[in-house]
PDB file of N, CA and C in Angstrom:
ATOM      1  N   MET A   1       0.837  -1.274  -0.189  1.00  0.00           N
ATOM      2  CA  MET A   1       0.094   0.133  -0.122  1.00  0.00           C
ATOM      3  C   MET A   1       1.082   1.437   0.229  1.00  0.00           C
ATOM      4  N   TYR A   2       0.627   2.222  -0.770  1.00  0.00           N
ATOM      5  CA  TYR A   2       1.042   3.339  -0.931  1.00  0.00           C
ATOM      6  C   TYR A   2       0.286   4.454  -0.750  1.00  0.00           C
ATOM      7  N   LYS A   3       0.687   5.612   0.198  1.00  0.00           N
ATOM      8  CA  LYS A   3       0.008   6.710   0.209  1.00  0.00           C
ATOM      9  C   LYS A   3       0.353   7.678  -1.086  1.00  0.00           C
ATOM     10  N   LEU A   4      -0.790   8.054  -1.787  1.00  0.00           N
ATOM     11  CA  LEU A   4      -0.389   8.661  -2.856  1.00  0.00           C
ATOM     12  C   LEU A   4      -1.018  10.217  -2.909  1.00  0.00           C
ATOM     13  N   ILE A   5      -1.855  10.780  -1.957  1.00  0.00           N
ATOM     14  CA  ILE A   5      -2.671  11.972  -1.484  1.00  0.00           C
ATOM     15  C   ILE A   5      -2.995  12.181  -0.193  1.00  0.00           C
ATOM     16  N   ASN A   6      -2.581  13.268   0.134  1.00  0.00           N
ATOM     17  CA  ASN A   6      -2.617  13.905   1.476  1.00  0.00           C
ATOM     18  C   ASN A   6      -3.782  14.171   1.752  1.00  0.00           C
ATOM     19  N   GLU A   7      -4.448  14.441   3.021  1.00  0.00           N
ATOM     20  CA  GLU A   7      -5.382  15.063   3.125  1.00  0.00           C
ATOM     21  C   GLU A   7      -5.811  16.456   2.675  1.00  0.00           C
ATOM     22  N   ASP A   8      -4.663  17.321   2.580  1.00  0.00           N
ATOM     23  CA  ASP A   8      -4.915  18.404   1.710  1.00  0.00           C
ATOM     24  C   ASP A   8      -4.799  18.521   0.455  1.00  0.00           C
ATOM     25  N   ASN A   9      -4.837  17.512  -0.089  1.00  0.00           N
ATOM     26  CA  ASN A   9      -4.794  17.378  -1.536  1.00  0.00           C
ATOM     27  C   ASN A   9      -3.305  17.580  -2.120  1.00  0.00           C
ATOM     28  N   THR A  10      -2.612  17.344  -1.669  1.00  0.00           N
ATOM     29  CA  THR A  10      -1.072  17.377  -1.974  1.00  0.00           C
ATOM     30  C   THR A  10      -0.531  16.275  -2.340  1.00  0.00           C
ATOM     31  N   LEU A  11       0.109  15.928  -3.206  1.00  0.00           N
ATOM     32  CA  LEU A  11       0.451  14.420  -3.531  1.00  0.00           C
ATOM     33  C   LEU A  11       1.939  14.260  -2.840  1.00  0.00           C
ATOM     34  N   VAL A  12       1.768  12.850  -2.436  1.00  0.00           N
ATOM     35  CA  VAL A  12       2.944  12.526  -1.518  1.00  0.00           C
ATOM     36  C   VAL A  12       3.975  12.524  -2.275  1.00  0.00           C
ATOM     37  N   LYS A  13       5.259  12.908  -1.768  1.00  0.00           N
ATOM     38  CA  LYS A  13       6.470  13.121  -2.696  1.00  0.00           C
ATOM     39  C   LYS A  13       7.367  11.958  -2.485  1.00  0.00           C
ATOM     40  N   ASP A  14       7.299  11.133  -1.376  1.00  0.00           N
ATOM     41  CA  ASP A  14       8.098   9.800  -0.894  1.00  0.00           C
ATOM     42  C   ASP A  14       7.897   8.865  -2.255  1.00  0.00           C
ATOM     43  N   TYR A  15       9.263   8.109  -2.505  1.00  0.00           N
ATOM     44  CA  TYR A  15       9.203   7.216  -3.614  1.00  0.00           C
ATOM     45  C   TYR A  15       8.571   5.844  -2.964  1.00  0.00           C
ATOM     46  N   PRO A  16       7.382   5.240  -3.612  1.00  0.00           N
ATOM     47  CA  PRO A  16       7.239   5.267  -5.260  1.00  0.00           C
ATOM     48  C   PRO A  16       6.163   6.032  -5.612  1.00  0.00           C
ATOM     49  N   SER A  17       5.510   7.024  -4.681  1.00  0.00           N
ATOM     50  CA  SER A  17       4.284   7.373  -4.856  1.00  0.00           C
ATOM     51  C   SER A  17       4.314   8.085  -6.067  1.00  0.00           C
ATOM     52  N   PRO A  18       5.266   9.333  -6.279  1.00  0.00           N
ATOM     53  CA  PRO A  18       5.353   9.980  -7.681  1.00  0.00           C
ATOM     54  C   PRO A  18       5.201   8.966  -8.642  1.00  0.00           C
ATOM     55  N   GLU A  19       5.850   7.829  -8.816  1.00  0.00           N
ATOM     56  CA  GLU A  19       5.958   7.000  -9.951  1.00  0.00           C
ATOM     57  C   GLU A  19       4.769   6.303 -10.115  1.00  0.00           C
ATOM     58  N   ILE A  20       4.118   5.975  -9.286  1.00  0.00           N
ATOM     59  CA  ILE A  20       2.752   5.362  -9.093  1.00  0.00           C
ATOM     60  C   ILE A  20       1.740   6.269  -9.603  1.00  0.00           C
ATOM     61  N   TYR A  21       1.896   7.608  -9.507  1.00  0.00           N
ATOM     62  CA  TYR A  21       0.788   8.572 -10.175  1.00  0.00           C
ATOM     63  C   TYR A  21       1.384   8.840 -11.399  1.00  0.00           C
ATOM     64  N   LYS A  22       2.604   8.986 -11.977  1.00  0.00           N
ATOM     65  CA  LYS A  22       2.578   8.856 -13.188  1.00  0.00           C
ATOM     66  C   LYS A  22       2.186   7.817 -14.115  1.00  0.00           C
ATOM     67  N   THR A  23       2.309   6.721 -13.576  1.00  0.00           N
ATOM     68  CA  THR A  23       1.703   5.625 -14.443  1.00  0.00           C
ATOM     69  C   THR A  23      -0.053   5.838 -14.706  1.00  0.00           C
ATOM     70  N   MET A  24      -0.682   6.641 -13.939  1.00  0.00           N
ATOM     71  CA  MET A  24      -2.300   6.529 -13.831  1.00  0.00           C
ATOM     72  C   MET A  24      -2.390   7.449 -15.180  1.00  0.00           C
ATOM     73  N   SER A  25      -3.432   7.122 -16.209  1.00  0.00           N
ATOM     74  CA  SER A  25      -3.912   8.037 -16.992  1.00  0.00           C
ATOM     75  C   SER A  25      -4.850   9.412 -16.275  1.00  0.00           C
ATOM     76  N   ASP A  26      -5.045  10.218 -17.084  1.00  0.00           N
ATOM     77  CA  ASP A  26      -5.339  11.463 -16.853  1.00  0.00           C
ATOM     78  C   ASP A  26      -6.879  11.422 -16.038  1.00  0.00           C
ATOM     79  N   GLU A  27      -7.748  10.377 -16.903  1.00  0.00           N
ATOM     80  CA  GLU A  27      -9.041  10.195 -16.295  1.00  0.00           C
ATOM     81  C   GLU A  27      -8.854   9.343 -14.886  1.00  0.00           C
ATOM     82  N   GLU A  28      -7.754   8.438 -14.661  1.00  0.00           N
ATOM     83  CA  GLU A  28      -7.881   7.973 -13.502  1.00  0.00           C
ATOM     84  C   GLU A  28      -7.425   8.954 -12.473  1.00  0.00           C
ATOM     85  N   ARG A  29      -6.424   9.834 -12.615  1.00  0.00           N
ATOM     86  CA  ARG A  29      -6.211  10.970 -11.833  1.00  0.00           C
ATOM     87  C   ARG A  29      -7.402  11.836 -11.593  1.00  0.00           C
ATOM     88  N   LYS A  30      -8.174  12.272 -12.553  1.00  0.00           N
ATOM     89  CA  LYS A  30      -9.181  13.171 -12.229  1.00  0.00           C
ATOM     90  C   LYS A  30     -10.122  12.411 -11.557  1.00  0.00           C
ATOM     91  N   ASN A  31     -10.532  11.102 -11.699  1.00  0.00           N
ATOM     92  CA  ASN A  31     -11.689  10.394 -11.189  1.00  0.00           C
ATOM     93  C   ASN A  31     -11.043  10.234  -9.524  1.00  0.00           C
ATOM     94  N   ILE A  32     -10.137  10.202  -9.426  1.00  0.00           N
ATOM     95  CA  ILE A  32      -9.815  10.027  -7.822  1.00  0.00           C
ATOM     96  C   ILE A  32      -9.740  11.261  -7.124  1.00  0.00           C
ATOM     97  N   PHE A  33      -9.620  12.370  -7.689  1.00  0.00           N
ATOM     98  CA  PHE A  33      -9.880  13.668  -7.094  1.00  0.00           C
ATOM     99  C   PHE A  33     -11.448  14.049  -6.802  1.00  0.00           C
ATOM    100  N   ARG A  34     -12.036  13.585  -7.985  1.00  0.00           N
ATOM    101  CA  ARG A  34     -13.285  13.827  -8.012  1.00  0.00           C
ATOM    102  C   ARG A  34     -14.337  12.859  -6.867  1.00  0.00           C
ATOM    103  N   PHE A  35     -13.567  11.818  -6.841  1.00  0.00           N
ATOM    104  CA  PHE A  35     -14.178  10.665  -5.758  1.00  0.00           C
ATOM    105  C   PHE A  35     -13.952  11.435  -4.430  1.00  0.00           C
ATOM    106  N   LYS A  36     -12.705  11.843  -4.122  1.00  0.00           N
ATOM    107  CA  LYS A  36     -12.363  12.219  -2.934  1.00  0.00           C
ATOM    108  C   LYS A  36     -13.200  13.549  -2.645  1.00  0.00           C
ATOM    109  N   GLU A  37     -13.092  14.397  -3.526  1.00  0.00           N
ATOM    110  CA  GLU A  37     -14.014  15.494  -3.299  1.00  0.00           C
ATOM    111  C   GLU A  37     -15.435  15.212  -2.903  1.00  0.00           C
ATOM    112  N   GLU A  38     -15.930  14.443  -3.553  1.00  0.00           N
ATOM    113  CA  GLU A  38     -17.269  13.887  -3.056  1.00  0.00           C
ATOM    114  C   GLU A  38     -17.392  13.498  -1.732  1.00  0.00           C
ATOM    115  N   ILE A  39     -16.493  12.597  -1.312  1.00  0.00           N
ATOM    116  CA  ILE A  39     -16.383  12.088  -0.057  1.00  0.00           C
ATOM    117  C   ILE A  39     -16.267  13.213   0.886  1.00  0.00           C
ATOM    118  N   GLU A  40     -15.457  14.185   0.694  1.00  0.00           N
ATOM    119  CA  GLU A  40     -15.200  15.545   1.411  1.00  0.00           C
ATOM    120  C   GLU A  40     -16.235  15.913   1.846  1.00  0.00           C
ATOM    121  N   LYS A  41     -17.133  16.300   1.004  1.00  0.00           N
ATOM    122  CA  LYS A  41     -18.355  16.907   1.194  1.00  0.00           C
ATOM    123  C   LYS A  41     -19.049  16.552   2.152  1.00  0.00           C
ATOM    124  N   MET A  42     -19.050  15.322   2.378  1.00  0.00           N
ATOM    125  CA  MET A  42     -20.059  14.477   3.800  1.00  0.00           C
ATOM    126  C   MET A  42     -19.074  14.449   4.742  1.00  0.00           C
ATOM    127  N   THR A  43     -17.644  14.303   4.650  1.00  0.00           N
ATOM    128  CA  THR A  43     -16.855  14.039   5.855  1.00  0.00           C
ATOM    129  C   THR A  43     -16.547  15.396   6.533  1.00  0.00           C
ATOM    130  N   VAL A  44     -16.302  16.437   5.740  1.00  0.00           N
ATOM    131  CA  VAL A  44     -16.161  17.522   6.308  1.00  0.00           C
ATOM    132  C   VAL A  44     -17.114  18.335   6.913  1.00  0.00           C
ATOM    133  N   ALA A  45     -18.333  18.153   6.484  1.00  0.00           N
ATOM    134  CA  ALA A  45     -19.538  18.781   6.882  1.00  0.00           C
ATOM    135  C   ALA A  45     -20.063  17.853   8.364  1.00  0.00           C
ATOM    136  N   LYS A  46     -19.602  16.895   8.521  1.00  0.00           N
ATOM    137  CA  LYS A  46     -20.297  16.150   9.744  1.00  0.00           C
ATOM    138  C   LYS A  46     -19.155  16.077  10.632  1.00  0.00           C
ATOM    139  N   GLY A  47     -18.153  16.518  10.451  1.00  0.00           N
ATOM    140  CA  GLY A  47     -16.766  16.829  11.348  1.00  0.00           C
ATOM    141  C   GLY A  47     -15.885  15.636  11.444  1.00  0.00           C
ATOM    142  N   LEU A  48     -15.976  14.962  10.430  1.00  0.00           N
ATOM    143  CA  LEU A  48     -15.115  13.604  10.364  1.00  0.00           C
ATOM    144  C   LEU A  48     -13.578  13.724   9.783  1.00  0.00           C
ATOM    145  N   GLY A  49     -13.615  14.869   9.357  1.00  0.00           N
ATOM    146  CA  GLY A  49     -12.249  15.243   8.798  1.00  0.00           C
ATOM    147  C   GLY A  49     -12.182  15.187   7.144  1.00  0.00           C
ATOM    148  N   ARG A  50     -10.888  15.137   6.875  1.00  0.00           N
ATOM    149  CA  ARG A  50     -10.464  15.106   5.482  1.00  0.00           C
ATOM    150  C   ARG A  50      -9.994  13.907   4.876  1.00  0.00           C
ATOM    151  N   VAL A  51     -10.120  13.636   3.763  1.00  0.00           N
ATOM    152  CA  VAL A  51      -9.644  11.857   3.396  1.00  0.00           C
ATOM    153  C   VAL A  51      -8.048  12.038   2.720  1.00  0.00           C
ATOM    154  N   SER A  52      -7.516  11.050   2.756  1.00  0.00           N
ATOM    155  CA  SER A  52      -6.352  10.717   2.186  1.00  0.00           C
ATOM    156  C   SER A  52      -6.498   9.580   1.216  1.00  0.00           C
ATOM    157  N   VAL A  53      -5.540   9.333   0.301  1.00  0.00           N
ATOM    158  CA  VAL A  53      -5.947   8.179  -0.840  1.00  0.00           C
ATOM    159  C   VAL A  53      -4.396   7.399  -0.676  1.00  0.00           C
ATOM    160  N   ILE A  54      -4.738   6.232  -0.628  1.00  0.00           N
ATOM    161  CA  ILE A  54      -3.901   5.107  -0.509  1.00  0.00           C
ATOM    162  C   ILE A  54      -3.956   4.200  -1.840  1.00  0.00           C
ATOM    163  N   ILE A  55      -3.024   3.930  -2.494  1.00  0.00           N
ATOM    164  CA  ILE A  55      -3.187   2.942  -3.458  1.00  0.00           C
ATOM    165  C   ILE A  55      -2.618   1.438  -3.158  1.00  0.00           C
ATOM    166  N   SER A  56      -3.639   0.350  -3.497  1.00  0.00           N
ATOM    167  CA  SER A  56      -2.805  -1.064  -3.168  1.00  0.00           C
ATOM    168  C   SER A  56      -2.772  -1.796  -4.652  1.00  0.00           C
ATOM    169  N   TYR A  57      -2.261  -2.686  -4.500  1.00  0.00           N
ATOM    170  CA  TYR A  57      -2.131  -3.767  -5.583  1.00  0.00           C
ATOM    171  C   TYR A  57      -2.658  -5.178  -5.142  1.00  0.00           C
ATOM    172  N   ASP A  58      -3.712  -5.490  -5.855  1.00  0.00           N
ATOM    173  CA  ASP A  58      -4.047  -6.936  -5.939  1.00  0.00           C
ATOM    174  C   ASP A  58      -3.669  -7.744  -7.389  1.00  0.00           C
ATOM    175  N   GLY A  59      -2.288  -8.030  -6.983  1.00  0.00           N
ATOM    176  CA  GLY A  59      -1.690  -8.659  -8.175  1.00  0.00           C
ATOM    177  C   GLY A  59      -1.469  -7.607  -8.982  1.00  0.00           C
ATOM    178  N   SER A  60      -1.571  -7.330 -10.323  1.00  0.00           N
ATOM    179  CA  SER A  60      -1.457  -6.046 -11.072  1.00  0.00           C
ATOM    180  C   SER A  60      -2.702  -5.203 -11.181  1.00  0.00           C
ATOM    181  N   TYR A  61      -3.710  -5.447 -10.202  1.00  0.00           N
ATOM    182  CA  TYR A  61      -4.684  -4.733 -10.293  1.00  0.00           C
ATOM    183  C   TYR A  61      -4.673  -3.369  -9.144  1.00  0.00           C
ATOM    184  N   ARG A  62      -4.908  -2.421  -9.715  1.00  0.00           N
ATOM    185  CA  ARG A  62      -4.655  -1.303  -8.655  1.00  0.00           C
ATOM    186  C   ARG A  62      -6.200  -0.797  -8.170  1.00  0.00           C
ATOM    187  N   GLU A  63      -6.083  -0.882  -6.473  1.00  0.00           N
ATOM    188  CA  GLU A  63      -7.295  -0.516  -5.745  1.00  0.00           C
ATOM    189  C   GLU A  63      -7.023   0.735  -5.325  1.00  0.00           C
ATOM    190  N   LYS A  64      -8.098   1.613  -4.892  1.00  0.00           N
ATOM    191  CA  LYS A  64      -8.004   2.712  -4.562  1.00  0.00           C
ATOM    192  C   LYS A  64      -8.665   2.820  -3.189  1.00  0.00           C
ATOM    193  N   GLU A  65      -8.013   3.190  -2.018  1.00  0.00           N
ATOM    194  CA  GLU A  65      -8.619   3.276  -0.666  1.00  0.00           C
ATOM    195  C   GLU A  65      -8.694   4.815  -0.324  1.00  0.00           C
ATOM    196  N   PHE A  66      -9.635   5.087   0.006  1.00  0.00           N
ATOM    197  CA  PHE A  66      -9.846   6.568   0.597  1.00  0.00           C
ATOM    198  C   PHE A  66      -9.958   6.566   1.817  1.00  0.00           C
ATOM    199  N   ILE A  67      -9.286   6.927   2.791  1.00  0.00           N
ATOM    200  CA  ILE A  67      -9.071   6.960   4.351  1.00  0.00           C
ATOM    201  C   ILE A  67      -9.528   8.098   4.813  1.00  0.00           C
ATOM    202  N   ILE A  68     -10.378   7.549   6.013  1.00  0.00           N
ATOM    203  CA  ILE A  68     -10.733   8.656   7.017  1.00  0.00           C
ATOM    204  C   ILE A  68     -10.066   8.437   8.480  1.00  0.00           C
ATOM    205  N   LYS A  69      -9.512   9.550   8.475  1.00  0.00           N
ATOM    206  CA  LYS A  69      -8.672   9.329  10.022  1.00  0.00           C
ATOM    207  C   LYS A  69      -9.563   9.219  11.269  1.00  0.00           C
ATOM    208  N   HIS A  70      -9.512   8.212  12.250  1.00  0.00           N
ATOM    209  CA  HIS A  70     -10.124   8.219  13.367  1.00  0.00           C
ATOM    210  C   HIS A  70      -9.205   9.511  14.244  1.00  0.00           C
ATOM    211  N   SER A  71      -9.804  10.591  14.364  1.00  0.00           N
ATOM    212  CA  SER A  71      -8.985  11.295  15.355  1.00  0.00           C
ATOM    213  C   SER A  71      -9.793  12.568  15.665  1.00  0.00           C
ATOM    214  N   ASN A  72     -11.150  12.494  15.562  1.00  0.00           N
ATOM    215  CA  ASN A  72     -11.871  13.917  15.889  1.00  0.00           C
ATOM    216  C   ASN A  72     -12.850  13.572  17.285  1.00  0.00           C
ATOM    217  N   GLY A  73     -12.375  12.295  17.975  1.00  0.00           N
ATOM    218  CA  GLY A  73     -13.261  12.184  19.344  1.00  0.00           C
ATOM    219  C   GLY A  73     -14.442  11.644  19.141  1.00  0.00           C
ATOM    220  N   PHE A  74     -14.792  11.102  17.852  1.00  0.00           N
ATOM    221  CA  PHE A  74     -16.034  10.541  17.716  1.00  0.00           C
ATOM    222  C   PHE A  74     -15.801   8.836  17.972  1.00  0.00           C
ATOM    223  N   SER A  75     -16.613   8.121  18.336  1.00  0.00           N
ATOM    224  CA  SER A  75     -16.179   6.689  18.622  1.00  0.00           C
ATOM    225  C   SER A  75     -16.327   5.961  16.918  1.00  0.00           C
ATOM    226  N   LYS A  76     -15.536   4.863  17.216  1.00  0.00           N
ATOM    227  CA  LYS A  76     -15.426   4.017  16.057  1.00  0.00           C
ATOM    228  C   LYS A  76     -16.685   3.666  15.384  1.00  0.00           C
ATOM    229  N   GLU A  77     -17.544   3.192  16.063  1.00  0.00           N
ATOM    230  CA  GLU A  77     -19.150   3.022  15.965  1.00  0.00           C
ATOM    231  C   GLU A  77     -19.728   3.884  15.013  1.00  0.00           C
ATOM    232  N   HIS A  78     -19.500   5.222  15.526  1.00  0.00           N
ATOM    233  CA  HIS A  78     -20.073   6.466  14.736  1.00  0.00           C
ATOM    234  C   HIS A  78     -19.677   6.384  13.493  1.00  0.00           C
ATOM    235  N   TYR A  79     -18.256   6.243  13.180  1.00  0.00           N
ATOM    236  CA  TYR A  79     -17.486   6.601  11.827  1.00  0.00           C
ATOM    237  C   TYR A  79     -17.816   5.511  11.311  1.00  0.00           C
ATOM    238  N   GLU A  80     -18.123   4.291  11.825  1.00  0.00           N
ATOM    239  CA  GLU A  80     -18.399   3.152  10.828  1.00  0.00           C
ATOM    240  C   GLU A  80     -19.904   3.390  10.644  1.00  0.00           C
ATOM    241  N   LYS A  81     -20.948   3.770  11.230  1.00  0.00           N
ATOM    242  CA  LYS A  81     -22.183   4.317  10.422  1.00  0.00           C
ATOM    243  C   LYS A  81     -22.141   5.132   9.501  1.00  0.00           C
ATOM    244  N   GLU A  82     -21.134   6.220   9.670  1.00  0.00           N
ATOM    245  CA  GLU A  82     -21.076   7.298   9.093  1.00  0.00           C
ATOM    246  C   GLU A  82     -20.399   6.613   7.613  1.00  0.00           C
ATOM    247  N   ILE A  83     -19.697   5.879   7.430  1.00  0.00           N
ATOM    248  CA  ILE A  83     -18.889   5.334   6.478  1.00  0.00           C
ATOM    249  C   ILE A  83     -20.104   4.433   5.641  1.00  0.00           C
ATOM    250  N   GLU A  84     -20.851   4.074   6.234  1.00  0.00           N
ATOM    251  CA  GLU A  84     -21.952   3.051   5.610  1.00  0.00           C
ATOM    252  C   GLU A  84     -22.889   4.315   4.831  1.00  0.00           C
ATOM    253  N   LYS A  85     -23.300   5.385   5.529  1.00  0.00           N
ATOM    254  CA  LYS A  85     -23.858   6.058   4.753  1.00  0.00           C
ATOM    255  C   LYS A  85     -23.267   6.858   3.425  1.00  0.00           C
ATOM    256  N   ILE A  86     -21.712   7.011   3.904  1.00  0.00           N
ATOM    257  CA  ILE A  86     -20.860   7.763   2.609  1.00  0.00           C
ATOM    258  C   ILE A  86     -20.859   6.718   1.402  1.00  0.00           C
ATOM    259  N   ASP A  87     -20.779   5.386   1.781  1.00  0.00           N
ATOM    260  CA  ASP A  87     -20.671   4.382   0.920  1.00  0.00           C
ATOM    261  C   ASP A  87     -21.836   4.234  -0.273  1.00  0.00           C
ATOM    262  N   LYS A  88     -22.772   4.280   0.515  1.00  0.00           N
ATOM    263  CA  LYS A  88     -24.168   4.157  -0.180  1.00  0.00           C
ATOM    264  C   LYS A  88     -24.176   5.439  -0.878  1.00  0.00           C
ATOM    265  N   HIS A  89     -24.184   6.737  -0.367  1.00  0.00           N
ATOM    266  CA  HIS A  89     -24.040   7.664  -1.376  1.00  0.00           C
ATOM    267  C   HIS A  89     -23.008   7.720  -2.354  1.00  0.00           C
ATOM    268  N   MET A  90     -21.957   7.292  -2.153  1.00  0.00           N
ATOM    269  CA  MET A  90     -20.646   7.325  -3.300  1.00  0.00           C
ATOM    270  C   MET A  90     -21.588   5.958  -4.544  1.00  0.00           C
ATOM    271  N   MET A  91     -22.085   5.098  -4.249  1.00  0.00           N
ATOM    272  CA  MET A  91     -22.273   4.185  -5.034  1.00  0.00           C
ATOM    273  C   MET A  91     -23.649   4.897  -5.893  1.00  0.00           C
ATOM    274  N   ILE A  92     -24.516   5.745  -5.426  1.00  0.00           N
ATOM    275  CA  ILE A  92     -25.589   6.438  -6.249  1.00  0.00           C
ATOM    276  C   ILE A  92     -24.722   7.495  -6.977  1.00  0.00           C
ATOM    277  N   PHE A  93     -23.876   8.330  -6.355  1.00  0.00           N
ATOM    278  CA  PHE A  93     -22.893   9.279  -7.146  1.00  0.00           C
ATOM    279  C   PHE A  93     -22.254   8.611  -8.214  1.00  0.00           C
ATOM    280  N   SER A  94     -21.734   7.528  -8.415  1.00  0.00           N
ATOM    281  CA  SER A  94     -21.015   6.703  -9.051  1.00  0.00           C
ATOM    282  C   SER A  94     -21.916   6.236 -10.348  1.00  0.00           C
ATOM    283  N   LYS A  95     -22.651   5.588  -9.967  1.00  0.00           N
ATOM    284  CA  LYS A  95     -23.817   5.415 -11.053  1.00  0.00           C
ATOM    285  C   LYS A  95     -24.459   6.274 -11.683  1.00  0.00           C
ATOM    286  N   LYS A  96     -24.593   7.617 -11.233  1.00  0.00           N
ATOM    287  CA  LYS A  96     -25.136   8.832 -11.754  1.00  0.00           C
ATOM    288  C   LYS A  96     -23.827   9.475 -12.916  1.00  0.00           C
ATOM    289  N   ASN A  97     -22.653   9.039 -12.376  1.00  0.00           N
ATOM    290  CA  ASN A  97     -21.505  10.180 -12.968  1.00  0.00           C
ATOM    291  C   ASN A  97     -20.561   9.091 -14.120  1.00  0.00           C
ATOM    292  N   ASN A  98     -21.352   7.844 -14.168  1.00  0.00           N
ATOM    293  CA  ASN A  98     -20.624   6.900 -14.900  1.00  0.00           C
ATOM    294  C   ASN A  98     -19.290   6.320 -14.276  1.00  0.00           C
ATOM    295  N   LEU A  99     -19.249   6.690 -13.186  1.00  0.00           N
ATOM    296  CA  LEU A  99     -17.965   6.119 -12.467  1.00  0.00           C
ATOM    297  C   LEU A  99     -18.320   4.684 -11.780  1.00  0.00           C
ATOM    298  N   TYR A 100     -19.109   3.922 -12.098  1.00  0.00           N
ATOM    299  CA  TYR A 100     -19.413   2.686 -11.242  1.00  0.00           C
ATOM    300  C   TYR A 100     -18.201   1.691 -11.214  1.00  0.00           C
ATOM    301  N   ASP A 101     -17.637   1.466 -12.206  1.00  0.00           N
ATOM    302  CA  ASP A 101     -16.559   0.782 -12.404  1.00  0.00           C
ATOM    303  C   ASP A 101     -15.547   1.293 -11.322  1.00  0.00           C
ATOM    304  N   PHE A 102     -15.118   2.537 -11.340  1.00  0.00           N
ATOM    305  CA  PHE A 102     -14.184   3.317 -10.404  1.00  0.00           C
ATOM    306  C   PHE A 102     -14.566   2.890  -9.099  1.00  0.00           C
ATOM    307  N   TYR A 103     -15.850   3.305  -8.691  1.00  0.00           N
ATOM    308  CA  TYR A 103     -16.319   2.748  -7.367  1.00  0.00           C
ATOM    309  C   TYR A 103     -16.114   1.360  -6.940  1.00  0.00           C
ATOM    310  N   LEU A 104     -16.114   0.392  -8.007  1.00  0.00           N
ATOM    311  CA  LEU A 104     -16.025  -1.085  -7.473  1.00  0.00           C
ATOM    312  C   LEU A 104     -14.977  -1.317  -7.200  1.00  0.00           C
ATOM    313  N   ASP A 105     -13.828  -0.735  -7.607  1.00  0.00           N
ATOM    314  CA  ASP A 105     -12.314  -1.027  -7.255  1.00  0.00           C
ATOM    315  C   ASP A 105     -12.015   0.221  -6.179  1.00  0.00           C
ATOM    316  N   SER A 106     -12.898   0.554  -5.255  1.00  0.00           N
ATOM    317  CA  SER A 106     -12.664   1.996  -4.300  1.00  0.00           C
ATOM    318  C   SER A 106     -13.010   1.149  -3.059  1.00  0.00           C
ATOM    319  N   TYR A 107     -12.312   1.671  -2.117  1.00  0.00           N
ATOM    320  CA  TYR A 107     -12.936   1.224  -0.561  1.00  0.00           C
ATOM    321  C   TYR A 107     -12.763   2.718   0.417  1.00  0.00           C
ATOM    322  N   ILE A 108     -13.736   2.893   1.263  1.00  0.00           N
ATOM    323  CA  ILE A 108     -13.680   3.688   2.017  1.00  0.00           C
ATOM    324  C   ILE A 108     -13.368   3.028   3.323  1.00  0.00           C
ATOM    325  N   LEU A 109     -12.517   3.656   3.982  1.00  0.00           N
ATOM    326  CA  LEU A 109     -11.818   2.703   5.145  1.00  0.00           C
ATOM    327  C   LEU A 109     -11.377   3.877   6.378  1.00  0.00           C
ATOM    328  N   LEU A 110     -11.709   3.596   7.429  1.00  0.00           N
ATOM    329  CA  LEU A 110     -11.134   4.260   8.647  1.00  0.00           C
ATOM    330  C   LEU A 110      -9.896   3.739   9.094  1.00  0.00           C
ATOM    331  N   ARG A 111      -9.141   4.551   9.599  1.00  0.00           N
ATOM    332  CA  ARG A 111      -7.815   4.229  10.078  1.00  0.00           C
ATOM    333  C   ARG A 111      -7.468   5.048  11.421  1.00  0.00           C
ATOM    334  N   ASP A 112      -6.756   4.323  12.258  1.00  0.00           N
ATOM    335  CA  ASP A 112      -6.170   5.251  13.526  1.00  0.00           C
ATOM    336  C   ASP A 112      -4.970   6.027  12.816  1.00  0.00           C
TER     337      ASP A 112
END
């Protein structure tokens, strides 16, 4: 797993993140930021914080993890309930915006 995008939307500069980012198509890069932005509309409004992006590989297949950091004093249970709501919203958002395949390769996760 490699962190690719920080919470503040900056790219991670540590190797190999820049090299991984260079291998992505413009469309994939755009979709990552679009997905992150849509998730943050809800996480920021609900006080859950901003999102970072991690890329992991399942064989040669690239999966995207949108990480919400457990840091704002809410219980893990609260975060988990909110993540379920966010995931449902993202499924609908993805279907409406022709991003459903992208959604299927993406995960919204809570990390300490």
